[in-house]
């Protein structure tokens, strides 16, 4: 019966998946089965590559993405985004939830500051 099933029994996309077979890390024909052998392998490979010349010309062949400017966020877009969020959503690291943010944006000066900060962040992230 439908009511006796657990939610995850009804949703096939969240069922446990089998992991694909993997190949172990090996070095000089020997598998790295211990932390020490893995460390020795990584350490020797790093040292072998250290101070080797690098030819970055292969980057010239990489296709270039089209450069575009990220549009600024408008006050209305910000309000619309806040309106769609759950009032009971979990707060982030700053412990500010949407129920705290919604009343703040009703103040025009606060809304201006938040949108300005958001647009500054977008600009700085875009430029970096």
C-alpha atoms as a PDB file:
ATOM      1  CA  UNK A   1       0.000   0.000   0.000  1.00  0.00           C
ATOM      2  CA  UNK A   2       1.150   3.547  -0.778  1.00  0.00           C
ATOM      3  CA  UNK A   3       1.037   4.812   2.838  1.00  0.00           C
ATOM      4  CA  UNK A   4       3.256   2.009   4.127  1.00  0.00           C
ATOM      5  CA  UNK A   5       6.144   3.019   1.878  1.00  0.00           C
ATOM      6  CA  UNK A   6       8.907   5.351   2.898  1.00  0.00           C
ATOM      7  CA  UNK A   7       9.403   8.491   0.761  1.00  0.00           C
ATOM      8  CA  UNK A   8      12.755   7.277  -0.551  1.00  0.00           C
ATOM      9  CA  UNK A   9      11.098   4.072  -1.817  1.00  0.00           C
ATOM     10  CA  UNK A  10       8.957   6.199  -4.122  1.00  0.00           C
ATOM     11  CA  UNK A  11      11.782   8.386  -5.443  1.00  0.00           C
ATOM     12  CA  UNK A  12      14.129   6.286  -7.544  1.00  0.00           C
ATOM     13  CA  UNK A  13      16.669   9.085  -8.001  1.00  0.00           C
ATOM     14  CA  UNK A  14      17.689   8.996  -4.319  1.00  0.00           C
ATOM     15  CA  UNK A  15      18.202   5.247  -4.045  1.00  0.00           C
ATOM     16  CA  UNK A  16      21.642   3.989  -3.150  1.00  0.00           C
ATOM     17  CA  UNK A  17      23.858   3.716  -6.203  1.00  0.00           C
ATOM     18  CA  UNK A  18      26.620   1.207  -6.681  1.00  0.00           C
ATOM     19  CA  UNK A  19      30.006   2.795  -7.067  1.00  0.00           C
ATOM     20  CA  UNK A  20      31.902   2.189 -10.287  1.00  0.00           C
ATOM     21  CA  UNK A  21      34.893  -0.117 -10.215  1.00  0.00           C
ATOM     22  CA  UNK A  22      38.099   1.839  -9.767  1.00  0.00           C
ATOM     23  CA  UNK A  23      41.722   1.126 -10.419  1.00  0.00           C
ATOM     24  CA  UNK A  24      44.090   1.479  -7.495  1.00  0.00           C
ATOM     25  CA  UNK A  25      46.952   3.937  -7.575  1.00  0.00           C
ATOM     26  CA  UNK A  26      50.153   2.184  -8.508  1.00  0.00           C
ATOM     27  CA  UNK A  27      53.730   3.312  -8.892  1.00  0.00           C
ATOM     28  CA  UNK A  28      56.454   1.390 -10.725  1.00  0.00           C
ATOM     29  CA  UNK A  29      54.094  -1.560 -11.091  1.00  0.00           C
ATOM     30  CA  UNK A  30      53.314  -1.808  -7.366  1.00  0.00           C
ATOM     31  CA  UNK A  31      49.930  -0.827  -5.839  1.00  0.00           C
ATOM     32  CA  UNK A  32      49.895   1.854  -3.163  1.00  0.00           C
ATOM     33  CA  UNK A  33      48.053  -0.048  -0.447  1.00  0.00           C
ATOM     34  CA  UNK A  34      49.251   1.911   2.552  1.00  0.00           C
ATOM     35  CA  UNK A  35      49.430   5.554   3.497  1.00  0.00           C
ATOM     36  CA  UNK A  36      53.231   5.341   3.555  1.00  0.00           C
ATOM     37  CA  UNK A  37      53.458   3.911   0.014  1.00  0.00           C
ATOM     38  CA  UNK A  38      50.990   6.537  -1.247  1.00  0.00           C
ATOM     39  CA  UNK A  39      53.037   9.301   0.395  1.00  0.00           C
ATOM     40  CA  UNK A  40      56.276   7.959  -1.095  1.00  0.00           C
ATOM     41  CA  UNK A  41      54.682   7.811  -4.540  1.00  0.00           C
ATOM     42  CA  UNK A  42      53.263  11.351  -4.412  1.00  0.00           C
ATOM     43  CA  UNK A  43      56.480  12.700  -2.917  1.00  0.00           C
ATOM     44  CA  UNK A  44      58.679  11.127  -5.604  1.00  0.00           C
ATOM     45  CA  UNK A  45      56.366  12.246  -8.424  1.00  0.00           C
ATOM     46  CA  UNK A  46      56.305  15.818  -7.105  1.00  0.00           C
ATOM     47  CA  UNK A  47      60.085  15.892  -6.807  1.00  0.00           C
ATOM     48  CA  UNK A  48      60.434  14.508 -10.336  1.00  0.00           C
ATOM     49  CA  UNK A  49      58.310  17.381 -11.695  1.00  0.00           C
ATOM     50  CA  UNK A  50      59.895  20.090  -9.568  1.00  0.00           C
ATOM     51  CA  UNK A  51      62.035  22.606 -11.479  1.00  0.00           C
ATOM     52  CA  UNK A  52      61.006  21.165 -14.853  1.00  0.00           C
ATOM     53  CA  UNK A  53      60.458  23.762 -17.589  1.00  0.00           C
ATOM     54  CA  UNK A  54      56.848  24.588 -18.344  1.00  0.00           C
ATOM     55  CA  UNK A  55      55.670  25.431 -21.840  1.00  0.00           C
ATOM     56  CA  UNK A  56      52.357  27.294 -21.563  1.00  0.00           C
ATOM     57  CA  UNK A  57      51.888  27.478 -25.365  1.00  0.00           C
ATOM     58  CA  UNK A  58      49.258  24.742 -25.195  1.00  0.00           C
ATOM     59  CA  UNK A  59      46.979  27.365 -23.616  1.00  0.00           C
ATOM     60  CA  UNK A  60      46.985  29.286 -26.899  1.00  0.00           C
ATOM     61  CA  UNK A  61      45.079  26.413 -28.515  1.00  0.00           C
ATOM     62  CA  UNK A  62      42.332  26.477 -25.880  1.00  0.00           C
ATOM     63  CA  UNK A  63      39.121  28.059 -27.185  1.00  0.00           C
ATOM     64  CA  UNK A  64      38.455  31.494 -25.770  1.00  0.00           C
ATOM     65  CA  UNK A  65      35.118  32.191 -24.165  1.00  0.00           C
ATOM     66  CA  UNK A  66      33.170  35.243 -25.168  1.00  0.00           C
ATOM     67  CA  UNK A  67      33.681  38.068 -22.685  1.00  0.00           C
ATOM     68  CA  UNK A  68      30.497  39.674 -21.440  1.00  0.00           C
ATOM     69  CA  UNK A  69      29.623  42.088 -18.699  1.00  0.00           C
ATOM     70  CA  UNK A  70      27.515  40.748 -15.856  1.00  0.00           C
ATOM     71  CA  UNK A  71      24.402  42.894 -15.445  1.00  0.00           C
ATOM     72  CA  UNK A  72      23.830  44.727 -12.185  1.00  0.00           C
ATOM     73  CA  UNK A  73      21.116  43.555  -9.842  1.00  0.00           C
ATOM     74  CA  UNK A  74      18.123  45.880  -9.594  1.00  0.00           C
ATOM     75  CA  UNK A  75      16.175  46.596  -6.425  1.00  0.00           C
ATOM     76  CA  UNK A  76      13.110  44.913  -7.892  1.00  0.00           C
ATOM     77  CA  UNK A  77      15.065  41.768  -8.815  1.00  0.00           C
ATOM     78  CA  UNK A  78      16.369  41.602  -5.254  1.00  0.00           C
ATOM     79  CA  UNK A  79      12.868  42.024  -3.793  1.00  0.00           C
ATOM     80  CA  UNK A  80      11.477  39.365  -6.146  1.00  0.00           C
ATOM     81  CA  UNK A  81      14.226  36.924  -5.170  1.00  0.00           C
ATOM     82  CA  UNK A  82      13.602  37.484  -1.446  1.00  0.00           C
ATOM     83  CA  UNK A  83       9.846  37.048  -1.912  1.00  0.00           C
ATOM     84  CA  UNK A  84      10.371  33.573  -3.412  1.00  0.00           C
ATOM     85  CA  UNK A  85      12.478  32.311  -0.488  1.00  0.00           C
ATOM     86  CA  UNK A  86      11.010  30.256   2.299  1.00  0.00           C
ATOM     87  CA  UNK A  87      10.341  32.267   5.449  1.00  0.00           C
ATOM     88  CA  UNK A  88      11.685  29.352   7.480  1.00  0.00           C
ATOM     89  CA  UNK A  89      14.847  28.667   5.504  1.00  0.00           C
ATOM     90  CA  UNK A  90      17.967  27.875   7.451  1.00  0.00           C
ATOM     91  CA  UNK A  91      20.256  30.847   8.064  1.00  0.00           C
ATOM     92  CA  UNK A  92      23.755  30.859   6.653  1.00  0.00           C
ATOM     93  CA  UNK A  93      27.016  31.375   8.493  1.00  0.00           C
ATOM     94  CA  UNK A  94      25.966  34.918   9.371  1.00  0.00           C
ATOM     95  CA  UNK A  95      22.756  33.581  11.025  1.00  0.00           C
ATOM     96  CA  UNK A  96      20.616  35.999   9.023  1.00  0.00           C
ATOM     97  CA  UNK A  97      17.524  34.220   7.744  1.00  0.00           C
ATOM     98  CA  UNK A  98      15.038  35.468   5.164  1.00  0.00           C
ATOM     99  CA  UNK A  99      12.591  36.429   7.916  1.00  0.00           C
ATOM    100  CA  UNK A 100      15.220  38.923   9.131  1.00  0.00           C
ATOM    101  CA  UNK A 101      16.079  40.187   5.673  1.00  0.00           C
ATOM    102  CA  UNK A 102      12.551  40.764   4.380  1.00  0.00           C
ATOM    103  CA  UNK A 103      11.644  43.556   6.861  1.00  0.00           C
ATOM    104  CA  UNK A 104      15.017  45.227   6.281  1.00  0.00           C
ATOM    105  CA  UNK A 105      14.409  45.624   2.559  1.00  0.00           C
ATOM    106  CA  UNK A 106      11.187  47.518   3.241  1.00  0.00           C
ATOM    107  CA  UNK A 107      13.404  50.412   4.302  1.00  0.00           C
ATOM    108  CA  UNK A 108      14.526  52.166   1.069  1.00  0.00           C
ATOM    109  CA  UNK A 109      17.932  53.146   2.438  1.00  0.00           C
ATOM    110  CA  UNK A 110      18.663  49.596   3.615  1.00  0.00           C
ATOM    111  CA  UNK A 111      17.518  48.189   0.281  1.00  0.00           C
ATOM    112  CA  UNK A 112      19.807  50.633  -1.566  1.00  0.00           C
ATOM    113  CA  UNK A 113      22.779  49.592   0.596  1.00  0.00           C
ATOM    114  CA  UNK A 114      22.119  45.850   0.173  1.00  0.00           C
ATOM    115  CA  UNK A 115      21.782  46.163  -3.606  1.00  0.00           C
ATOM    116  CA  UNK A 116      24.921  48.329  -3.727  1.00  0.00           C
ATOM    117  CA  UNK A 117      26.891  45.756  -1.709  1.00  0.00           C
ATOM    118  CA  UNK A 118      25.564  42.946  -3.915  1.00  0.00           C
ATOM    119  CA  UNK A 119      26.489  44.779  -7.120  1.00  0.00           C
ATOM    120  CA  UNK A 120      29.940  45.606  -5.750  1.00  0.00           C
ATOM    121  CA  UNK A 121      30.468  41.937  -4.978  1.00  0.00           C
ATOM    122  CA  UNK A 122      29.340  40.956  -8.484  1.00  0.00           C
ATOM    123  CA  UNK A 123      31.701  43.522 -10.029  1.00  0.00           C
ATOM    124  CA  UNK A 124      34.696  42.500  -7.911  1.00  0.00           C
ATOM    125  CA  UNK A 125      34.092  38.791  -8.507  1.00  0.00           C
ATOM    126  CA  UNK A 126      33.687  39.438 -12.235  1.00  0.00           C
ATOM    127  CA  UNK A 127      36.961  41.342 -12.397  1.00  0.00           C
ATOM    128  CA  UNK A 128      39.007  38.781 -10.470  1.00  0.00           C
END
